[in-house]
N, C-alpha and C. Protein backbone atom coordinates (compact mmCIF):
# COMPACT_ATOMS: atom_id res chain seq x y z
N MET A 1 4.07 33.31 33.79
CA MET A 1 4.97 32.20 33.81
C MET A 1 4.48 31.10 34.76
N THR A 2 3.81 31.46 35.84
CA THR A 2 3.32 30.49 36.81
C THR A 2 2.29 29.56 36.17
N SER A 3 1.40 30.07 35.35
CA SER A 3 0.41 29.22 34.70
C SER A 3 1.07 28.25 33.71
N MET A 4 2.16 28.68 33.10
CA MET A 4 2.88 27.80 32.19
C MET A 4 3.50 26.63 32.95
N TRP A 5 4.09 26.92 34.14
CA TRP A 5 4.68 25.85 34.95
C TRP A 5 3.60 24.91 35.45
N ARG A 6 2.43 25.44 35.78
CA ARG A 6 1.31 24.58 36.21
C ARG A 6 0.90 23.66 35.09
N ALA A 7 0.85 24.18 33.87
CA ALA A 7 0.48 23.36 32.71
C ALA A 7 1.51 22.27 32.48
N VAL A 8 2.79 22.63 32.56
CA VAL A 8 3.86 21.64 32.36
C VAL A 8 3.79 20.59 33.46
N ALA A 9 3.59 21.03 34.70
CA ALA A 9 3.50 20.10 35.82
C ALA A 9 2.28 19.19 35.66
N GLY A 10 1.18 19.76 35.19
CA GLY A 10 -0.04 18.96 34.98
C GLY A 10 0.17 17.92 33.90
N ILE A 11 0.80 18.31 32.81
CA ILE A 11 1.06 17.36 31.72
C ILE A 11 2.03 16.29 32.20
N GLY A 12 3.06 16.69 32.95
CA GLY A 12 4.02 15.72 33.50
C GLY A 12 3.34 14.73 34.41
N THR A 13 2.44 15.21 35.25
CA THR A 13 1.72 14.33 36.16
C THR A 13 0.84 13.36 35.38
N LEU A 14 0.17 13.86 34.33
CA LEU A 14 -0.68 13.02 33.49
C LEU A 14 0.15 11.93 32.81
N ILE A 15 1.30 12.29 32.26
CA ILE A 15 2.17 11.31 31.60
C ILE A 15 2.64 10.27 32.60
N LEU A 16 3.04 10.70 33.79
CA LEU A 16 3.49 9.78 34.82
C LEU A 16 2.37 8.83 35.24
N ALA A 17 1.16 9.37 35.39
CA ALA A 17 0.03 8.54 35.79
C ALA A 17 -0.27 7.47 34.74
N VAL A 18 -0.24 7.87 33.47
CA VAL A 18 -0.50 6.91 32.39
C VAL A 18 0.61 5.87 32.34
N ALA A 19 1.85 6.28 32.50
CA ALA A 19 2.98 5.36 32.44
C ALA A 19 2.97 4.37 33.60
N CYS A 20 2.42 4.76 34.73
CA CYS A 20 2.43 3.89 35.90
C CYS A 20 1.27 2.91 35.93
N THR A 21 0.27 3.11 35.12
CA THR A 21 -0.85 2.18 35.11
C THR A 21 -0.46 0.95 34.33
N SER A 22 -0.87 -0.19 34.78
CA SER A 22 -0.53 -1.41 34.08
C SER A 22 -1.63 -1.72 33.07
N ALA A 23 -1.23 -2.31 31.99
CA ALA A 23 -2.20 -2.70 30.97
C ALA A 23 -3.01 -3.88 31.50
N THR A 24 -4.24 -3.93 31.12
CA THR A 24 -5.09 -5.04 31.51
C THR A 24 -4.71 -6.25 30.68
N PRO A 25 -4.33 -7.35 31.32
CA PRO A 25 -3.94 -8.52 30.56
C PRO A 25 -5.14 -9.12 29.84
N ALA A 26 -4.86 -9.80 28.75
CA ALA A 26 -5.93 -10.46 28.01
C ALA A 26 -6.50 -11.56 28.88
N PRO A 27 -7.80 -11.80 28.79
CA PRO A 27 -8.39 -12.86 29.60
C PRO A 27 -7.84 -14.21 29.17
N PRO A 28 -7.74 -15.17 30.12
CA PRO A 28 -7.23 -16.49 29.75
C PRO A 28 -8.16 -17.16 28.76
N GLU A 29 -7.61 -18.11 28.02
CA GLU A 29 -8.43 -18.84 27.05
C GLU A 29 -9.54 -19.56 27.78
N SER A 30 -10.71 -19.48 27.24
CA SER A 30 -11.86 -20.14 27.84
C SER A 30 -11.66 -21.64 27.77
N PRO A 31 -11.82 -22.35 28.91
CA PRO A 31 -11.65 -23.80 28.87
C PRO A 31 -12.58 -24.47 27.87
N SER A 32 -13.76 -23.92 27.68
CA SER A 32 -14.71 -24.55 26.77
C SER A 32 -14.27 -24.44 25.31
N SER A 33 -13.32 -23.52 25.02
CA SER A 33 -12.87 -23.40 23.64
C SER A 33 -11.68 -24.32 23.36
N SER A 34 -11.11 -24.92 24.40
CA SER A 34 -9.98 -25.83 24.22
C SER A 34 -10.48 -27.22 23.90
N SER A 35 -9.80 -27.89 22.97
CA SER A 35 -10.20 -29.26 22.62
C SER A 35 -9.47 -30.29 23.46
N GLU A 36 -8.53 -29.85 24.29
CA GLU A 36 -7.75 -30.78 25.10
C GLU A 36 -8.65 -31.61 26.01
N GLY A 37 -8.55 -32.92 25.88
CA GLY A 37 -9.32 -33.82 26.73
C GLY A 37 -10.73 -34.11 26.28
N GLN A 38 -11.14 -33.62 25.12
CA GLN A 38 -12.52 -33.82 24.68
C GLN A 38 -12.77 -35.20 24.08
N ASN A 39 -11.69 -35.90 23.67
CA ASN A 39 -11.85 -37.24 23.11
C ASN A 39 -10.52 -37.99 23.22
N CYS A 40 -10.50 -39.21 22.70
CA CYS A 40 -9.28 -40.03 22.80
C CYS A 40 -8.10 -39.40 22.07
N GLU A 41 -8.35 -38.75 20.96
CA GLU A 41 -7.28 -38.14 20.18
C GLU A 41 -6.63 -36.95 20.91
N THR A 42 -7.39 -36.29 21.76
CA THR A 42 -6.87 -35.12 22.47
C THR A 42 -6.78 -35.37 23.98
N ALA A 43 -6.73 -36.65 24.38
CA ALA A 43 -6.70 -37.01 25.81
C ALA A 43 -5.55 -36.31 26.53
N VAL A 44 -5.81 -35.92 27.76
CA VAL A 44 -4.81 -35.27 28.60
C VAL A 44 -3.88 -36.35 29.14
N LEU A 45 -2.60 -36.24 28.85
CA LEU A 45 -1.63 -37.22 29.31
C LEU A 45 -1.25 -36.93 30.76
N ILE A 46 -1.44 -37.92 31.62
CA ILE A 46 -1.05 -37.81 33.01
C ILE A 46 0.12 -38.76 33.24
N ASP A 47 1.24 -38.21 33.66
CA ASP A 47 2.43 -39.00 33.94
C ASP A 47 2.62 -39.04 35.44
N ALA A 48 2.34 -40.20 36.04
CA ALA A 48 2.43 -40.34 37.49
C ALA A 48 2.95 -41.73 37.83
N PRO A 49 3.58 -41.89 39.00
CA PRO A 49 4.15 -43.18 39.37
C PRO A 49 3.14 -44.20 39.88
N ASN A 50 1.96 -43.73 40.32
CA ASN A 50 0.96 -44.66 40.85
C ASN A 50 -0.44 -44.06 40.72
N GLU A 51 -1.43 -44.90 41.01
CA GLU A 51 -2.82 -44.46 40.85
C GLU A 51 -3.20 -43.30 41.76
N ARG A 52 -2.74 -43.34 42.99
CA ARG A 52 -3.10 -42.27 43.94
C ARG A 52 -2.65 -40.91 43.39
N GLU A 53 -1.39 -40.83 42.98
CA GLU A 53 -0.88 -39.57 42.45
C GLU A 53 -1.47 -39.23 41.08
N GLY A 54 -1.75 -40.24 40.29
CA GLY A 54 -2.33 -40.01 38.98
C GLY A 54 -3.73 -39.41 39.06
N ILE A 55 -4.55 -39.98 39.91
CA ILE A 55 -5.91 -39.47 40.07
C ILE A 55 -5.88 -38.07 40.67
N ALA A 56 -4.99 -37.84 41.62
CA ALA A 56 -4.85 -36.50 42.20
C ALA A 56 -4.45 -35.49 41.12
N ALA A 57 -3.58 -35.92 40.20
CA ALA A 57 -3.15 -35.03 39.10
C ALA A 57 -4.31 -34.73 38.16
N GLU A 58 -5.19 -35.71 37.94
CA GLU A 58 -6.37 -35.46 37.11
C GLU A 58 -7.23 -34.35 37.73
N TYR A 59 -7.52 -34.49 39.02
CA TYR A 59 -8.37 -33.51 39.70
C TYR A 59 -7.72 -32.14 39.74
N GLU A 60 -6.41 -32.11 39.90
CA GLU A 60 -5.69 -30.83 39.90
C GLU A 60 -5.78 -30.17 38.53
N TRP A 61 -5.64 -30.96 37.47
CA TRP A 61 -5.74 -30.44 36.10
C TRP A 61 -7.12 -29.81 35.88
N ILE A 62 -8.14 -30.53 36.32
CA ILE A 62 -9.51 -30.03 36.16
C ILE A 62 -9.72 -28.75 36.97
N ALA A 63 -9.28 -28.74 38.22
CA ALA A 63 -9.49 -27.58 39.09
C ALA A 63 -8.81 -26.32 38.54
N ARG A 64 -7.63 -26.48 37.91
CA ARG A 64 -6.94 -25.31 37.35
C ARG A 64 -7.71 -24.74 36.15
N ARG A 65 -8.34 -25.58 35.39
CA ARG A 65 -9.03 -25.12 34.18
C ARG A 65 -10.51 -24.80 34.39
N PHE A 66 -11.09 -25.42 35.40
CA PHE A 66 -12.53 -25.24 35.66
C PHE A 66 -12.76 -24.95 37.14
N PRO A 67 -12.32 -23.79 37.62
CA PRO A 67 -12.52 -23.46 39.05
C PRO A 67 -14.00 -23.54 39.42
N GLY A 68 -14.27 -24.14 40.56
CA GLY A 68 -15.64 -24.24 41.03
C GLY A 68 -16.44 -25.37 40.37
N TYR A 69 -15.74 -26.28 39.69
CA TYR A 69 -16.44 -27.38 39.02
C TYR A 69 -17.04 -28.35 40.04
N ARG A 70 -17.95 -29.18 39.55
CA ARG A 70 -18.53 -30.24 40.38
C ARG A 70 -18.36 -31.54 39.62
N ARG A 71 -17.78 -32.54 40.27
CA ARG A 71 -17.58 -33.83 39.62
C ARG A 71 -18.89 -34.60 39.62
N LEU A 72 -19.27 -35.08 38.44
CA LEU A 72 -20.52 -35.83 38.30
C LEU A 72 -20.28 -37.34 38.29
N GLY A 73 -19.11 -37.75 37.84
CA GLY A 73 -18.80 -39.18 37.78
C GLY A 73 -17.45 -39.42 37.14
N GLN A 74 -17.02 -40.68 37.20
CA GLN A 74 -15.72 -41.04 36.67
C GLN A 74 -15.78 -42.51 36.28
N SER A 75 -15.16 -42.84 35.13
CA SER A 75 -15.15 -44.23 34.69
C SER A 75 -13.95 -44.49 33.80
N LEU A 76 -13.62 -45.77 33.64
CA LEU A 76 -12.56 -46.13 32.70
C LEU A 76 -13.10 -45.97 31.29
N GLY A 77 -12.27 -45.42 30.42
CA GLY A 77 -12.68 -45.21 29.04
C GLY A 77 -12.19 -46.33 28.14
N ALA A 78 -12.52 -46.21 26.88
CA ALA A 78 -12.15 -47.23 25.90
C ALA A 78 -11.45 -46.57 24.72
N CYS A 79 -10.24 -46.09 24.94
CA CYS A 79 -9.46 -45.49 23.86
C CYS A 79 -8.56 -46.56 23.25
N LYS A 80 -8.42 -46.52 21.96
CA LYS A 80 -7.57 -47.48 21.26
C LYS A 80 -6.10 -47.15 21.51
N GLY A 81 -5.34 -48.12 22.04
CA GLY A 81 -3.92 -47.94 22.22
C GLY A 81 -3.48 -47.53 23.61
N PHE A 82 -4.39 -47.10 24.47
CA PHE A 82 -4.01 -46.74 25.84
C PHE A 82 -5.23 -46.79 26.75
N ARG A 83 -4.94 -46.98 28.02
CA ARG A 83 -6.01 -46.96 29.02
C ARG A 83 -6.39 -45.50 29.29
N SER A 84 -7.67 -45.29 29.52
CA SER A 84 -8.11 -43.91 29.74
C SER A 84 -9.10 -43.84 30.90
N ASP A 85 -9.21 -42.65 31.42
CA ASP A 85 -10.13 -42.34 32.49
C ASP A 85 -10.99 -41.19 31.98
N VAL A 86 -12.30 -41.29 32.16
CA VAL A 86 -13.20 -40.23 31.73
C VAL A 86 -13.85 -39.63 32.98
N VAL A 87 -13.64 -38.34 33.16
CA VAL A 87 -14.21 -37.64 34.31
C VAL A 87 -15.29 -36.70 33.79
N ASN A 88 -16.50 -36.89 34.29
CA ASN A 88 -17.64 -36.05 33.91
C ASN A 88 -17.80 -34.96 34.96
N ILE A 89 -17.88 -33.72 34.49
CA ILE A 89 -17.99 -32.58 35.40
C ILE A 89 -19.11 -31.64 34.96
N GLU A 90 -19.48 -30.78 35.87
CA GLU A 90 -20.32 -29.64 35.55
C GLU A 90 -19.52 -28.41 35.96
N THR A 91 -19.30 -27.50 35.00
CA THR A 91 -18.51 -26.30 35.29
C THR A 91 -19.32 -25.36 36.17
N ALA A 92 -18.64 -24.36 36.71
CA ALA A 92 -19.32 -23.36 37.54
C ALA A 92 -20.41 -22.64 36.75
N ALA A 93 -20.25 -22.60 35.42
CA ALA A 93 -21.25 -21.94 34.56
C ALA A 93 -22.39 -22.88 34.19
N GLY A 94 -22.34 -24.14 34.67
CA GLY A 94 -23.43 -25.08 34.40
C GLY A 94 -23.23 -25.94 33.16
N GLU A 95 -22.08 -25.84 32.51
CA GLU A 95 -21.79 -26.63 31.31
C GLU A 95 -21.33 -28.02 31.72
N LYS A 96 -21.92 -29.06 31.12
CA LYS A 96 -21.50 -30.43 31.41
C LYS A 96 -20.45 -30.84 30.39
N ARG A 97 -19.36 -31.44 30.92
CA ARG A 97 -18.23 -31.85 30.07
C ARG A 97 -17.72 -33.20 30.50
N SER A 98 -17.18 -33.93 29.55
CA SER A 98 -16.46 -35.17 29.82
C SER A 98 -15.02 -34.94 29.42
N ILE A 99 -14.10 -35.25 30.33
CA ILE A 99 -12.69 -35.02 30.06
C ILE A 99 -11.99 -36.37 30.04
N VAL A 100 -11.26 -36.63 28.96
CA VAL A 100 -10.57 -37.90 28.77
C VAL A 100 -9.10 -37.74 29.16
N PHE A 101 -8.62 -38.65 30.02
CA PHE A 101 -7.23 -38.65 30.45
C PHE A 101 -6.56 -39.94 30.00
N ASN A 102 -5.32 -39.83 29.53
CA ASN A 102 -4.50 -40.99 29.21
C ASN A 102 -3.81 -41.39 30.51
N ILE A 103 -4.18 -42.57 31.05
CA ILE A 103 -3.68 -43.00 32.35
C ILE A 103 -2.73 -44.20 32.24
N GLU A 104 -2.22 -44.43 31.07
CA GLU A 104 -1.37 -45.59 30.83
C GLU A 104 -0.17 -45.64 31.79
N SER A 105 0.41 -44.49 32.14
CA SER A 105 1.61 -44.47 32.97
C SER A 105 1.39 -44.98 34.38
N PHE A 106 0.17 -44.85 34.90
CA PHE A 106 -0.03 -45.22 36.31
C PHE A 106 -1.13 -46.26 36.53
N PHE A 107 -1.86 -46.64 35.53
CA PHE A 107 -2.98 -47.57 35.70
C PHE A 107 -2.50 -48.89 36.30
N GLY A 108 -3.11 -49.31 37.40
CA GLY A 108 -2.78 -50.58 38.04
C GLY A 108 -1.54 -50.56 38.91
N LYS A 109 -0.94 -49.39 39.11
CA LYS A 109 0.27 -49.29 39.93
C LYS A 109 -0.10 -48.71 41.30
N TRP A 110 0.22 -49.45 42.33
CA TRP A 110 -0.08 -49.00 43.69
C TRP A 110 1.20 -48.70 44.35
């Protein structure tokens, strides 16, 4: 009878151990697979009251999606219907990207 209780206790411990382990979450979507910000049609909308906060929001958006990025340059873009900002970066993996932001809400506001 003792070996039977050991087996039951062992199975119970195994079930408890499996139940207590957390599932590995799916990896986040790769930023390079997202089309957001790749052109004027998919420009990232930044809603800010002034240029200082708007530009800070752009950099925050980039940092959340591309940790360890390096900014290569920034310029005003030429999107039809709204003012845009284009930020050129190099990702931590060495990929060069241009990200288009719709800056209509804060452009020229100090």
